[in-house]
Structure formats: C-alpha cells, structure tokens
Amino acid sequence: MLILSPSILAADFTRLGEQIQETTQAGAQYIHLDVMDGMFVPQISFGMPVLETIRKCTDRVFDVHLMIEDPGRYIEAFAKTGADIITVHAEACTHLDRVLQQIQAAGKKAGVALNPATPLSALDYVLDGLDMVLIMTVNPGFGGQKLIPYCLEKVKELRAICEKRGLDMDIQVDGGIKASNAKEVIQSGANVLVGGSAVFSGDVAANTKEFMDIFREMEAL
C-alpha cells in the first residue's frame, strides 16, 4: 500500500488544524511530525504539547520522527500524547535495541531512520523486529532540500534485503519528495512518502490529491 505522510513542519502554523484536515480529506493517510531538539539537528521544532493539541483534530496515523539525542528519554511521553509510529535515528541511540523495546512496550509501531551516509548494516541485528525503516534522502534538519540521488540506491538495496528475508515492512523516504519524483521513489521500493513543502506550499488539497492520483496510478500497474 502506498501512503502519503504530509510533514507539518512545512505547514502554516496559524492554520495548522485546517491544513491537516485539508490533507486528510484529500486522502493522506498519515501525518508526519518532525521533532527536532537543536542538538541532533540544528533546528528546534516542536514537542509533546503540539502533538497533544492536534491529536484532537484528526484520527490519522501520527507518524512521529524523533530527530533528537537520546530519544529513549521521551518514548513514553510521545506515546501518551498520541504517537502511533515512533521512529528514532540509529545515529542518536547508544542502545538502539533498548529504545526499540521501549517503543514496542508502549504499544506503538517502531521505526528506525538512517541519515544519507549511514549504511544499511546499522540495521543488521534489528531489522526483523521493525515496522518501518525511514531512509533520509536529505541530511536532516532543514526543509526544502533536494533529494540526494544515491539514497534511492539504498532504498533499492533495503527492499531487496526485505524480500530476501521475507519481511513485509514499510520503507519510508523523507527529503526532497515531490510529485515530479514520486514515481521514481516508489519504483525504488519505498511505499511511504513524506511530503513537506510539496504538500503545504500553495493549494494543500490539490497538492495532496496530485500525490494520491500518482499512488493510484502506480498501484494499478
């Protein structure tokens, strides 16, 4: 199943609830929440209060991407404020396996994100227990960057590994995703696409619908 996960980091926060509803009414299945701490990445975004507030305005899957140092400190808090999927960075976890156990113990789906230069081998011993892997297709921390082409080769390799192991796992991509490259990203093996400015710049509903039309076209092949 192909899934669109609009990243609210690119939304107009004066109209956040309204824009979230525009994306979901146009077909988006997830809402992507980029939590940044100013340490693991240069920017600071938002935390639990924002999740708790917008949880009231949508029933869509909250796809929470923790771009923070030592994320194990906050797993329980994010679980309680409405996260459905919690994704942590392999690079930010001293004890990755322990953090994944925390996520699963909280009753949430567990994901691991890899920065562009981080090899897939970082997942060797945890891959079988994951619900999702997020392949960053830009260096995290800033919106509006261009997709790094070699990252799609990583997506292809990961999909091949999953097929070889018999894993039915979501592969998410985040960074530089646009309607113009969505087909290439899907063909590389990704099935969950994060769209930021490509969704929230201009007509939110029309942008979302464009992605959903592409998804239906690709699923029909």
N, C-alpha and C. Protein backbone atom coordinates (compact mmCIF):
# COMPACT_ATOMS: atom_id res chain seq x y z
N MET A 1 0.84 -1.19 0.00
CA MET A 1 0.00 0.00 0.00
C MET A 1 0.88 1.25 0.00
N LEU A 2 0.55 2.19 -0.87
CA LEU A 2 1.29 3.45 -0.93
C LEU A 2 0.63 4.46 -0.01
N ILE A 3 1.46 5.14 0.77
CA ILE A 3 0.97 6.02 1.83
C ILE A 3 1.65 7.38 1.73
N LEU A 4 0.86 8.44 1.85
CA LEU A 4 1.40 9.80 1.91
C LEU A 4 1.39 10.26 3.36
N SER A 5 2.53 10.78 3.81
CA SER A 5 2.67 11.27 5.18
C SER A 5 3.10 12.73 5.13
N PRO A 6 2.15 13.67 5.06
CA PRO A 6 2.50 15.09 4.97
C PRO A 6 3.20 15.57 6.24
N SER A 7 4.31 16.26 6.07
CA SER A 7 5.08 16.76 7.20
C SER A 7 4.60 18.15 7.58
N ILE A 8 4.06 18.26 8.78
CA ILE A 8 3.51 19.55 9.20
C ILE A 8 4.58 20.60 9.46
N LEU A 9 5.84 20.21 9.43
CA LEU A 9 6.91 21.19 9.59
C LEU A 9 6.82 22.27 8.52
N ALA A 10 6.25 21.90 7.37
CA ALA A 10 6.12 22.85 6.26
C ALA A 10 4.77 23.56 6.24
N ALA A 11 3.92 23.26 7.19
CA ALA A 11 2.58 23.85 7.21
C ALA A 11 2.60 25.28 7.73
N ASP A 12 1.50 25.97 7.52
CA ASP A 12 1.27 27.30 8.08
C ASP A 12 0.70 27.09 9.48
N PHE A 13 1.48 27.36 10.52
CA PHE A 13 1.05 27.03 11.88
C PHE A 13 -0.09 27.92 12.37
N THR A 14 -0.37 29.00 11.65
CA THR A 14 -1.56 29.79 12.01
C THR A 14 -2.83 29.11 11.51
N ARG A 15 -2.68 28.11 10.64
CA ARG A 15 -3.82 27.38 10.08
C ARG A 15 -3.59 25.88 10.18
N LEU A 16 -2.86 25.44 11.19
CA LEU A 16 -2.38 24.07 11.24
C LEU A 16 -3.51 23.05 11.23
N GLY A 17 -4.48 23.21 12.11
CA GLY A 17 -5.59 22.25 12.16
C GLY A 17 -6.33 22.19 10.84
N GLU A 18 -6.56 23.35 10.26
CA GLU A 18 -7.27 23.42 8.97
C GLU A 18 -6.50 22.72 7.87
N GLN A 19 -5.18 22.96 7.83
CA GLN A 19 -4.38 22.36 6.77
C GLN A 19 -4.25 20.85 6.96
N ILE A 20 -4.18 20.39 8.18
CA ILE A 20 -4.16 18.95 8.42
C ILE A 20 -5.44 18.32 7.87
N GLN A 21 -6.56 18.95 8.13
CA GLN A 21 -7.83 18.42 7.64
C GLN A 21 -7.90 18.45 6.12
N GLU A 22 -7.31 19.46 5.51
CA GLU A 22 -7.28 19.52 4.04
C GLU A 22 -6.52 18.33 3.46
N THR A 23 -5.40 17.98 4.07
CA THR A 23 -4.62 16.86 3.55
C THR A 23 -5.36 15.54 3.75
N THR A 24 -5.99 15.38 4.91
CA THR A 24 -6.66 14.10 5.18
C THR A 24 -7.93 13.95 4.34
N GLN A 25 -8.65 15.03 4.14
CA GLN A 25 -9.84 14.96 3.32
C GLN A 25 -9.50 14.66 1.86
N ALA A 26 -8.28 15.04 1.44
CA ALA A 26 -7.83 14.75 0.08
C ALA A 26 -7.20 13.37 -0.04
N GLY A 27 -7.07 12.64 1.09
CA GLY A 27 -6.63 11.26 1.01
C GLY A 27 -5.37 10.88 1.76
N ALA A 28 -4.66 11.84 2.36
CA ALA A 28 -3.44 11.49 3.09
C ALA A 28 -3.77 10.59 4.27
N GLN A 29 -2.99 9.52 4.41
CA GLN A 29 -3.30 8.52 5.44
C GLN A 29 -2.55 8.77 6.76
N TYR A 30 -1.40 9.42 6.69
CA TYR A 30 -0.58 9.68 7.88
C TYR A 30 -0.40 11.19 8.05
N ILE A 31 0.05 11.58 9.23
CA ILE A 31 0.56 12.92 9.49
C ILE A 31 1.97 12.75 10.05
N HIS A 32 2.94 13.38 9.39
CA HIS A 32 4.35 13.24 9.78
C HIS A 32 4.73 14.39 10.69
N LEU A 33 5.29 14.04 11.85
CA LEU A 33 5.65 15.05 12.85
C LEU A 33 7.15 14.98 13.12
N ASP A 34 7.86 16.00 12.64
CA ASP A 34 9.31 16.06 12.79
C ASP A 34 9.66 16.79 14.08
N VAL A 35 10.15 16.03 15.05
CA VAL A 35 10.51 16.60 16.35
C VAL A 35 12.02 16.82 16.36
N MET A 36 12.44 18.07 16.48
CA MET A 36 13.86 18.42 16.43
C MET A 36 14.29 19.11 17.73
N ASP A 37 15.49 18.79 18.20
CA ASP A 37 15.92 19.29 19.50
C ASP A 37 17.03 20.33 19.46
N GLY A 38 17.50 20.71 18.26
CA GLY A 38 18.58 21.68 18.17
C GLY A 38 19.95 21.11 18.52
N MET A 39 20.02 19.81 18.74
CA MET A 39 21.29 19.15 19.06
C MET A 39 21.61 18.08 18.03
N PHE A 40 20.70 17.11 17.86
CA PHE A 40 20.93 16.10 16.83
C PHE A 40 20.87 16.73 15.45
N VAL A 41 19.98 17.70 15.30
CA VAL A 41 19.90 18.52 14.09
C VAL A 41 19.95 19.99 14.52
N PRO A 42 20.30 20.91 13.61
CA PRO A 42 20.47 22.31 14.02
C PRO A 42 19.19 23.01 14.47
N GLN A 43 18.06 22.60 13.94
CA GLN A 43 16.82 23.31 14.21
C GLN A 43 16.10 22.78 15.44
N ILE A 44 15.22 23.61 16.00
CA ILE A 44 14.29 23.20 17.05
C ILE A 44 12.88 23.33 16.46
N SER A 45 12.06 22.30 16.62
CA SER A 45 10.72 22.39 16.02
C SER A 45 9.64 22.45 17.08
N PHE A 46 9.12 21.32 17.51
CA PHE A 46 8.02 21.28 18.48
C PHE A 46 8.07 19.96 19.23
N GLY A 47 7.24 19.85 20.27
CA GLY A 47 7.25 18.64 21.07
C GLY A 47 5.88 18.17 21.46
N MET A 48 5.78 17.60 22.64
CA MET A 48 4.55 16.93 23.07
C MET A 48 3.31 17.83 23.08
N PRO A 49 3.39 19.10 23.51
CA PRO A 49 2.17 19.92 23.53
C PRO A 49 1.51 20.07 22.17
N VAL A 50 2.31 20.19 21.11
CA VAL A 50 1.74 20.31 19.77
C VAL A 50 1.05 19.01 19.37
N LEU A 51 1.70 17.88 19.62
CA LEU A 51 1.07 16.59 19.29
C LEU A 51 -0.25 16.44 20.03
N GLU A 52 -0.25 16.76 21.30
CA GLU A 52 -1.45 16.59 22.11
C GLU A 52 -2.59 17.46 21.59
N THR A 53 -2.24 18.67 21.15
CA THR A 53 -3.26 19.60 20.65
C THR A 53 -3.85 19.14 19.33
N ILE A 54 -2.99 18.79 18.36
CA ILE A 54 -3.52 18.44 17.04
C ILE A 54 -4.09 17.02 16.99
N ARG A 55 -3.77 16.21 18.01
CA ARG A 55 -4.38 14.88 18.07
C ARG A 55 -5.90 14.99 18.12
N LYS A 56 -6.40 16.12 18.63
CA LYS A 56 -7.84 16.33 18.77
C LYS A 56 -8.52 16.63 17.44
N CYS A 57 -7.75 16.99 16.42
CA CYS A 57 -8.38 17.43 15.17
C CYS A 57 -8.30 16.40 14.05
N THR A 58 -7.68 15.25 14.30
CA THR A 58 -7.60 14.23 13.24
C THR A 58 -7.42 12.85 13.86
N ASP A 59 -7.95 11.84 13.15
CA ASP A 59 -7.76 10.46 13.59
C ASP A 59 -6.72 9.74 12.75
N ARG A 60 -6.01 10.48 11.91
CA ARG A 60 -5.00 9.87 11.06
C ARG A 60 -3.81 9.36 11.89
N VAL A 61 -3.07 8.44 11.30
CA VAL A 61 -1.89 7.88 11.95
C VAL A 61 -0.86 8.98 12.19
N PHE A 62 -0.42 9.12 13.44
CA PHE A 62 0.63 10.07 13.78
C PHE A 62 1.98 9.37 13.64
N ASP A 63 2.71 9.79 12.64
CA ASP A 63 4.00 9.24 12.24
C ASP A 63 5.07 10.18 12.81
N VAL A 64 5.57 9.83 14.01
CA VAL A 64 6.44 10.74 14.76
C VAL A 64 7.91 10.40 14.51
N HIS A 65 8.62 11.36 13.98
CA HIS A 65 10.03 11.20 13.61
C HIS A 65 10.87 12.00 14.60
N LEU A 66 11.54 11.28 15.51
CA LEU A 66 12.32 11.92 16.56
C LEU A 66 13.74 12.18 16.09
N MET A 67 14.01 13.42 15.74
CA MET A 67 15.37 13.85 15.37
C MET A 67 15.98 14.50 16.61
N ILE A 68 16.18 13.67 17.64
CA ILE A 68 16.64 14.17 18.92
C ILE A 68 17.70 13.23 19.49
N GLU A 69 18.58 13.80 20.33
CA GLU A 69 19.58 12.99 21.02
C GLU A 69 18.92 12.14 22.10
N ASP A 70 19.40 10.95 22.26
CA ASP A 70 18.95 10.04 23.33
C ASP A 70 17.41 9.98 23.41
N PRO A 71 16.77 9.55 22.33
CA PRO A 71 15.30 9.59 22.28
C PRO A 71 14.61 8.68 23.29
N GLY A 72 15.33 7.72 23.84
CA GLY A 72 14.72 6.83 24.82
C GLY A 72 14.15 7.56 26.02
N ARG A 73 14.65 8.77 26.29
CA ARG A 73 14.15 9.55 27.42
C ARG A 73 12.69 9.94 27.26
N TYR A 74 12.19 9.98 26.01
CA TYR A 74 10.89 10.58 25.75
C TYR A 74 9.88 9.64 25.09
N ILE A 75 10.22 8.38 24.95
CA ILE A 75 9.32 7.45 24.25
C ILE A 75 7.96 7.39 24.92
N GLU A 76 7.93 7.21 26.22
CA GLU A 76 6.65 7.08 26.93
C GLU A 76 5.81 8.35 26.79
N ALA A 77 6.45 9.51 26.84
CA ALA A 77 5.73 10.77 26.73
C ALA A 77 5.09 10.94 25.35
N PHE A 78 5.84 10.61 24.30
CA PHE A 78 5.28 10.72 22.96
C PHE A 78 4.18 9.69 22.73
N ALA A 79 4.34 8.53 23.30
CA ALA A 79 3.29 7.51 23.19
C ALA A 79 2.00 8.01 23.82
N LYS A 80 2.12 8.65 24.96
CA LYS A 80 0.93 9.12 25.67
C LYS A 80 0.25 10.29 24.98
N THR A 81 1.00 11.07 24.19
CA THR A 81 0.42 12.25 23.57
C THR A 81 -0.10 11.99 22.15
N GLY A 82 -0.14 10.71 21.76
CA GLY A 82 -0.84 10.41 20.51
C GLY A 82 -0.05 9.79 19.39
N ALA A 83 1.25 9.53 19.58
CA ALA A 83 2.03 8.90 18.51
C ALA A 83 1.51 7.49 18.22
N ASP A 84 1.47 7.13 16.95
CA ASP A 84 1.13 5.76 16.53
C ASP A 84 2.37 5.00 16.08
N ILE A 85 3.24 5.72 15.36
CA ILE A 85 4.54 5.19 14.93
C ILE A 85 5.60 6.11 15.51
N ILE A 86 6.61 5.54 16.13
CA ILE A 86 7.72 6.34 16.65
C ILE A 86 8.99 5.86 15.97
N THR A 87 9.62 6.79 15.26
CA THR A 87 10.85 6.48 14.54
C THR A 87 12.01 7.23 15.16
N VAL A 88 13.06 6.49 15.47
CA VAL A 88 14.26 7.08 16.08
C VAL A 88 15.43 6.91 15.12
N HIS A 89 16.42 7.75 15.28
CA HIS A 89 17.62 7.64 14.44
C HIS A 89 18.61 6.67 15.04
N ALA A 90 19.12 5.78 14.21
CA ALA A 90 20.16 4.86 14.67
C ALA A 90 21.35 5.63 15.21
N GLU A 91 21.65 6.77 14.57
CA GLU A 91 22.82 7.56 14.96
C GLU A 91 22.66 8.23 16.32
N ALA A 92 21.42 8.35 16.80
CA ALA A 92 21.15 9.07 18.05
C ALA A 92 20.99 8.14 19.25
N CYS A 93 21.04 6.84 19.01
CA CYS A 93 20.78 5.86 20.08
C CYS A 93 22.04 5.11 20.46
N THR A 94 22.47 5.28 21.69
CA THR A 94 23.60 4.49 22.19
C THR A 94 23.21 3.01 22.25
N HIS A 95 21.96 2.75 22.68
CA HIS A 95 21.46 1.38 22.79
C HIS A 95 20.18 1.28 21.96
N LEU A 96 20.33 1.09 20.66
CA LEU A 96 19.20 1.11 19.75
C LEU A 96 18.17 0.03 20.08
N ASP A 97 18.65 -1.17 20.36
CA ASP A 97 17.72 -2.27 20.64
C ASP A 97 16.85 -1.94 21.86
N ARG A 98 17.44 -1.34 22.87
CA ARG A 98 16.69 -0.99 24.08
C ARG A 98 15.59 0.03 23.77
N VAL A 99 15.92 1.02 22.96
CA VAL A 99 14.93 2.04 22.61
C VAL A 99 13.78 1.43 21.81
N LEU A 100 14.09 0.53 20.90
CA LEU A 100 13.04 -0.13 20.12
C LEU A 100 12.14 -0.95 21.04
N GLN A 101 12.72 -1.59 22.03
CA GLN A 101 11.91 -2.33 23.00
C GLN A 101 10.99 -1.39 23.78
N GLN A 102 11.48 -0.19 24.09
CA GLN A 102 10.65 0.80 24.79
C GLN A 102 9.43 1.17 23.94
N ILE A 103 9.67 1.39 22.65
CA ILE A 103 8.57 1.76 21.74
C ILE A 103 7.53 0.65 21.69
N GLN A 104 7.99 -0.56 21.52
CA GLN A 104 7.06 -1.69 21.42
C GLN A 104 6.35 -1.94 22.74
N ALA A 105 7.03 -1.74 23.86
CA ALA A 105 6.40 -1.91 25.17
C ALA A 105 5.30 -0.88 25.39
N ALA A 106 5.42 0.27 24.74
CA ALA A 106 4.40 1.32 24.83
C ALA A 106 3.23 1.06 23.89
N GLY A 107 3.30 -0.05 23.14
CA GLY A 107 2.22 -0.42 22.24
C GLY A 107 2.21 0.32 20.92
N LYS A 108 3.38 0.86 20.53
CA LYS A 108 3.46 1.63 19.30
C LYS A 108 4.32 0.91 18.26
N LYS A 109 4.13 1.26 17.00
CA LYS A 109 4.97 0.72 15.93
C LYS A 109 6.35 1.38 16.00
N ALA A 110 7.38 0.59 15.71
CA ALA A 110 8.75 1.06 15.85
C ALA A 110 9.43 1.21 14.49
N GLY A 111 10.06 2.37 14.32
CA GLY A 111 10.82 2.62 13.10
C GLY A 111 12.21 3.11 13.42
N VAL A 112 13.13 2.89 12.48
CA VAL A 112 14.49 3.41 12.59
C VAL A 112 14.79 4.23 11.35
N ALA A 113 15.35 5.42 11.58
CA ALA A 113 15.76 6.29 10.48
C ALA A 113 17.26 6.23 10.31
N LEU A 114 17.68 6.32 9.03
CA LEU A 114 19.10 6.36 8.71
C LEU A 114 19.40 7.61 7.91
N ASN A 115 20.41 8.36 8.33
CA ASN A 115 20.87 9.51 7.57
C ASN A 115 21.51 9.03 6.26
N PRO A 116 21.65 9.94 5.28
CA PRO A 116 22.17 9.52 3.97
C PRO A 116 23.47 8.72 4.01
N ALA A 117 24.42 9.11 4.84
CA ALA A 117 25.72 8.43 4.85
C ALA A 117 25.78 7.23 5.77
N THR A 118 24.69 6.93 6.48
CA THR A 118 24.68 5.77 7.38
C THR A 118 24.36 4.50 6.60
N PRO A 119 25.20 3.48 6.68
CA PRO A 119 24.97 2.27 5.89
C PRO A 119 23.81 1.43 6.42
N LEU A 120 23.24 0.63 5.55
CA LEU A 120 22.16 -0.27 5.94
C LEU A 120 22.61 -1.30 6.98
N SER A 121 23.90 -1.55 7.05
CA SER A 121 24.41 -2.53 8.01
C SER A 121 24.09 -2.15 9.46
N ALA A 122 23.78 -0.88 9.70
CA ALA A 122 23.40 -0.44 11.04
C ALA A 122 22.12 -1.13 11.51
N LEU A 123 21.37 -1.71 10.57
CA LEU A 123 20.10 -2.36 10.89
C LEU A 123 20.21 -3.88 10.97
N ASP A 124 21.40 -4.43 10.74
CA ASP A 124 21.53 -5.88 10.57
C ASP A 124 20.84 -6.68 11.67
N TYR A 125 21.00 -6.28 12.91
CA TYR A 125 20.52 -7.10 14.02
C TYR A 125 19.16 -6.69 14.56
N VAL A 126 18.58 -5.62 14.01
CA VAL A 126 17.26 -5.18 14.49
C VAL A 126 16.19 -5.20 13.40
N LEU A 127 16.59 -5.41 12.17
CA LEU A 127 15.68 -5.26 11.04
C LEU A 127 14.44 -6.14 11.16
N ASP A 128 14.62 -7.37 11.59
CA ASP A 128 13.48 -8.31 11.63
C ASP A 128 12.39 -7.86 12.59
N GLY A 129 12.71 -7.02 13.56
CA GLY A 129 11.72 -6.60 14.54
C GLY A 129 11.11 -5.24 14.28
N LEU A 130 11.43 -4.63 13.13
CA LEU A 130 10.96 -3.28 12.84
C LEU A 130 9.64 -3.29 12.07
N ASP A 131 8.88 -2.22 12.27
CA ASP A 131 7.68 -1.99 11.47
C ASP A 131 7.99 -1.12 10.26
N MET A 132 9.01 -0.26 10.39
CA MET A 132 9.32 0.66 9.31
C MET A 132 10.78 1.10 9.38
N VAL A 133 11.37 1.32 8.22
CA VAL A 133 12.67 1.97 8.13
C VAL A 133 12.49 3.25 7.35
N LEU A 134 13.03 4.34 7.88
CA LEU A 134 12.99 5.63 7.20
C LEU A 134 14.37 5.91 6.62
N ILE A 135 14.42 5.97 5.31
CA ILE A 135 15.65 6.34 4.61
C ILE A 135 15.61 7.84 4.35
N MET A 136 16.48 8.58 5.03
CA MET A 136 16.56 10.01 4.78
C MET A 136 17.20 10.25 3.43
N THR A 137 16.52 11.02 2.60
CA THR A 137 17.04 11.32 1.26
C THR A 137 17.60 12.73 1.18
N VAL A 138 17.70 13.39 2.34
CA VAL A 138 18.47 14.63 2.53
C VAL A 138 19.11 14.52 3.91
N ASN A 139 20.07 15.38 4.19
CA ASN A 139 20.61 15.46 5.54
C ASN A 139 19.59 16.19 6.41
N PRO A 140 19.18 15.62 7.52
CA PRO A 140 18.03 16.13 8.26
C PRO A 140 18.30 17.47 8.94
N GLY A 141 17.20 18.21 9.12
CA GLY A 141 17.30 19.44 9.89
C GLY A 141 16.74 20.66 9.19
N PHE A 142 16.62 20.61 7.87
CA PHE A 142 16.11 21.76 7.12
C PHE A 142 15.15 21.28 6.04
N GLY A 143 14.07 22.01 5.83
CA GLY A 143 13.15 21.69 4.74
C GLY A 143 13.63 22.29 3.43
N GLY A 144 13.02 21.83 2.35
CA GLY A 144 13.29 22.42 1.04
C GLY A 144 14.56 21.96 0.35
N GLN A 145 15.22 20.92 0.86
CA GLN A 145 16.44 20.43 0.23
C GLN A 145 16.12 19.50 -0.94
N LYS A 146 17.11 19.33 -1.83
CA LYS A 146 16.95 18.43 -2.97
C LYS A 146 17.29 17.00 -2.57
N LEU A 147 16.56 16.07 -3.11
CA LEU A 147 16.79 14.65 -2.86
C LEU A 147 18.19 14.26 -3.33
N ILE A 148 18.91 13.52 -2.47
CA ILE A 148 20.25 13.03 -2.81
C ILE A 148 20.09 11.73 -3.59
N PRO A 149 20.50 11.69 -4.86
CA PRO A 149 20.19 10.53 -5.71
C PRO A 149 20.67 9.19 -5.17
N TYR A 150 21.85 9.12 -4.57
CA TYR A 150 22.36 7.81 -4.13
C TYR A 150 21.49 7.18 -3.05
N CYS A 151 20.68 8.00 -2.39
CA CYS A 151 19.81 7.45 -1.34
C CYS A 151 18.78 6.49 -1.91
N LEU A 152 18.38 6.69 -3.16
CA LEU A 152 17.42 5.76 -3.77
C LEU A 152 18.04 4.40 -4.03
N GLU A 153 19.36 4.37 -4.23
CA GLU A 153 20.04 3.08 -4.34
C GLU A 153 19.97 2.34 -3.01
N LYS A 154 20.05 3.10 -1.92
CA LYS A 154 19.94 2.50 -0.59
C LYS A 154 18.54 1.91 -0.39
N VAL A 155 17.53 2.63 -0.89
CA VAL A 155 16.15 2.14 -0.81
C VAL A 155 16.02 0.82 -1.58
N LYS A 156 16.58 0.78 -2.76
CA LYS A 156 16.53 -0.45 -3.57
C LYS A 156 17.20 -1.62 -2.84
N GLU A 157 18.35 -1.34 -2.25
CA GLU A 157 19.07 -2.40 -1.52
C GLU A 157 18.25 -2.88 -0.33
N LEU A 158 17.63 -1.95 0.38
CA LEU A 158 16.84 -2.33 1.55
C LEU A 158 15.64 -3.16 1.14
N ARG A 159 14.97 -2.77 0.07
CA ARG A 159 13.80 -3.54 -0.38
C ARG A 159 14.23 -4.96 -0.78
N ALA A 160 15.38 -5.08 -1.42
CA ALA A 160 15.87 -6.40 -1.80
C ALA A 160 16.19 -7.25 -0.57
N ILE A 161 16.75 -6.64 0.46
CA ILE A 161 17.04 -7.36 1.70
C ILE A 161 15.75 -7.84 2.35
N CYS A 162 14.74 -6.96 2.37
CA CYS A 162 13.45 -7.32 2.97
C CYS A 162 12.82 -8.49 2.23
N GLU A 163 12.87 -8.46 0.91
CA GLU A 163 12.30 -9.55 0.12
C GLU A 163 13.05 -10.85 0.37
N LYS A 164 14.37 -10.76 0.48
CA LYS A 164 15.17 -11.96 0.72
C LYS A 164 14.85 -12.57 2.08
N ARG A 165 14.59 -11.72 3.09
CA ARG A 165 14.28 -12.20 4.44
C ARG A 165 12.79 -12.48 4.64
N GLY A 166 11.99 -12.15 3.64
CA GLY A 166 10.56 -12.36 3.76
C GLY A 166 9.88 -11.38 4.70
N LEU A 167 10.39 -10.15 4.74
CA LEU A 167 9.87 -9.12 5.64
C LEU A 167 8.87 -8.23 4.91
N ASP A 168 7.67 -8.13 5.47
CA ASP A 168 6.65 -7.23 4.92
C ASP A 168 6.71 -5.94 5.73
N MET A 169 7.63 -5.08 5.38
CA MET A 169 7.94 -3.90 6.18
C MET A 169 7.81 -2.64 5.36
N ASP A 170 7.35 -1.57 5.99
CA ASP A 170 7.25 -0.28 5.30
C ASP A 170 8.63 0.33 5.15
N ILE A 171 8.86 0.92 3.98
CA ILE A 171 10.07 1.71 3.75
C ILE A 171 9.62 3.13 3.45
N GLN A 172 10.02 4.03 4.31
CA GLN A 172 9.64 5.43 4.18
C GLN A 172 10.82 6.24 3.65
N VAL A 173 10.51 7.26 2.86
CA VAL A 173 11.55 8.19 2.40
C VAL A 173 11.13 9.60 2.78
N ASP A 174 12.12 10.40 3.15
CA ASP A 174 11.85 11.76 3.63
C ASP A 174 12.98 12.66 3.15
N GLY A 175 12.61 13.69 2.39
CA GLY A 175 13.60 14.66 1.94
C GLY A 175 13.56 14.89 0.45
N GLY A 176 13.09 16.05 0.05
CA GLY A 176 13.08 16.39 -1.38
C GLY A 176 12.05 15.65 -2.18
N ILE A 177 11.02 15.11 -1.53
CA ILE A 177 9.99 14.36 -2.24
C ILE A 177 9.00 15.33 -2.88
N LYS A 178 8.76 15.13 -4.17
CA LYS A 178 7.83 15.97 -4.93
C LYS A 178 6.97 15.06 -5.80
N ALA A 179 5.90 15.61 -6.33
CA ALA A 179 5.08 14.86 -7.27
C ALA A 179 5.92 14.45 -8.48
N SER A 180 6.87 15.29 -8.85
CA SER A 180 7.67 15.02 -10.06
C SER A 180 8.64 13.86 -9.89
N ASN A 181 9.02 13.51 -8.66
CA ASN A 181 9.93 12.37 -8.47
C ASN A 181 9.28 11.21 -7.71
N ALA A 182 8.00 11.34 -7.40
CA ALA A 182 7.32 10.32 -6.59
C ALA A 182 7.36 8.94 -7.25
N LYS A 183 7.16 8.88 -8.57
CA LYS A 183 7.16 7.58 -9.25
C LYS A 183 8.52 6.90 -9.13
N GLU A 184 9.59 7.67 -9.31
CA GLU A 184 10.94 7.11 -9.21
C GLU A 184 11.20 6.58 -7.80
N VAL A 185 10.73 7.33 -6.80
CA VAL A 185 10.91 6.92 -5.41
C VAL A 185 10.16 5.62 -5.14
N ILE A 186 8.95 5.53 -5.63
CA ILE A 186 8.14 4.31 -5.45
C ILE A 186 8.78 3.13 -6.18
N GLN A 187 9.25 3.36 -7.38
CA GLN A 187 9.89 2.30 -8.15
C GLN A 187 11.15 1.79 -7.49
N SER A 188 11.79 2.62 -6.67
CA SER A 188 13.00 2.19 -5.96
C SER A 188 12.67 1.24 -4.81
N GLY A 189 11.40 1.22 -4.38
CA GLY A 189 11.00 0.28 -3.34
C GLY A 189 10.34 0.91 -2.13
N ALA A 190 10.21 2.23 -2.10
CA ALA A 190 9.56 2.90 -0.98
C ALA A 190 8.05 2.82 -1.13
N ASN A 191 7.35 2.76 0.00
CA ASN A 191 5.88 2.77 -0.06
C ASN A 191 5.25 3.83 0.85
N VAL A 192 6.08 4.52 1.66
CA VAL A 192 5.57 5.63 2.48
C VAL A 192 6.40 6.86 2.13
N LEU A 193 5.75 7.88 1.58
CA LEU A 193 6.44 9.08 1.14
C LEU A 193 6.08 10.25 2.04
N VAL A 194 7.10 10.94 2.52
CA VAL A 194 6.89 12.14 3.33
C VAL A 194 6.99 13.35 2.41
N GLY A 195 5.94 14.15 2.41
CA GLY A 195 5.94 15.38 1.62
C GLY A 195 5.80 16.58 2.52
N GLY A 196 6.71 17.54 2.41
CA GLY A 196 6.65 18.75 3.21
C GLY A 196 6.15 19.92 2.40
N SER A 197 7.08 20.68 1.85
CA SER A 197 6.69 21.84 1.04
C SER A 197 5.92 21.42 -0.20
N ALA A 198 6.15 20.20 -0.69
CA ALA A 198 5.41 19.72 -1.87
C ALA A 198 3.93 19.58 -1.58
N VAL A 199 3.56 19.42 -0.31
CA VAL A 199 2.16 19.32 0.09
C VAL A 199 1.63 20.67 0.55
N PHE A 200 2.39 21.38 1.38
CA PHE A 200 1.85 22.54 2.08
C PHE A 200 2.11 23.88 1.40
N SER A 201 2.87 23.90 0.31
CA SER A 201 3.07 25.15 -0.42
C SER A 201 1.99 25.31 -1.47
N GLY A 202 1.20 26.35 -1.35
CA GLY A 202 0.13 26.57 -2.32
C GLY A 202 -1.16 25.90 -1.90
N ASP A 203 -1.81 25.24 -2.86
CA ASP A 203 -3.11 24.60 -2.63
C ASP A 203 -2.89 23.23 -1.99
N VAL A 204 -3.11 23.15 -0.69
CA VAL A 204 -2.80 21.92 0.06
C VAL A 204 -3.63 20.74 -0.44
N ALA A 205 -4.91 20.95 -0.64
CA ALA A 205 -5.78 19.87 -1.08
C ALA A 205 -5.38 19.38 -2.47
N ALA A 206 -5.11 20.31 -3.38
CA ALA A 206 -4.74 19.94 -4.75
C ALA A 206 -3.40 19.22 -4.77
N ASN A 207 -2.46 19.69 -3.96
CA ASN A 207 -1.14 19.03 -3.89
C ASN A 207 -1.27 17.61 -3.37
N THR A 208 -2.09 17.45 -2.34
CA THR A 208 -2.30 16.11 -1.78
C THR A 208 -2.95 15.20 -2.81
N LYS A 209 -3.95 15.73 -3.48
CA LYS A 209 -4.66 14.94 -4.49
C LYS A 209 -3.72 14.51 -5.62
N GLU A 210 -2.77 15.37 -5.98
CA GLU A 210 -1.82 15.02 -7.02
C GLU A 210 -1.00 13.79 -6.61
N PHE A 211 -0.55 13.78 -5.38
CA PHE A 211 0.18 12.60 -4.88
C PHE A 211 -0.72 11.37 -4.89
N MET A 212 -1.95 11.52 -4.42
CA MET A 212 -2.84 10.37 -4.34
C MET A 212 -3.16 9.81 -5.73
N ASP A 213 -3.28 10.68 -6.72
CA ASP A 213 -3.51 10.23 -8.10
C ASP A 213 -2.32 9.43 -8.60
N ILE A 214 -1.11 9.88 -8.28
CA ILE A 214 0.10 9.16 -8.67
C ILE A 214 0.13 7.78 -7.98
N PHE A 215 -0.25 7.75 -6.72
CA PHE A 215 -0.26 6.48 -5.98
C PHE A 215 -1.24 5.49 -6.63
N ARG A 216 -2.42 5.98 -6.97
CA ARG A 216 -3.41 5.08 -7.61
C ARG A 216 -2.89 4.57 -8.95
N GLU A 217 -2.22 5.44 -9.68
CA GLU A 217 -1.65 5.03 -10.97
C GLU A 217 -0.59 3.94 -10.79
N MET A 218 0.27 4.14 -9.79
CA MET A 218 1.34 3.17 -9.55
C MET A 218 0.80 1.85 -9.01
N GLU A 219 -0.23 1.90 -8.20
CA GLU A 219 -0.81 0.68 -7.64
C GLU A 219 -1.55 -0.12 -8.70
N ALA A 220 -1.98 0.55 -9.76
CA ALA A 220 -2.71 -0.12 -10.84
C ALA A 220 -1.77 -0.85 -11.80
N LEU A 221 -0.48 -0.56 -11.71
CA LEU A 221 0.46 -1.19 -12.66
C LEU A 221 0.66 -2.67 -12.33
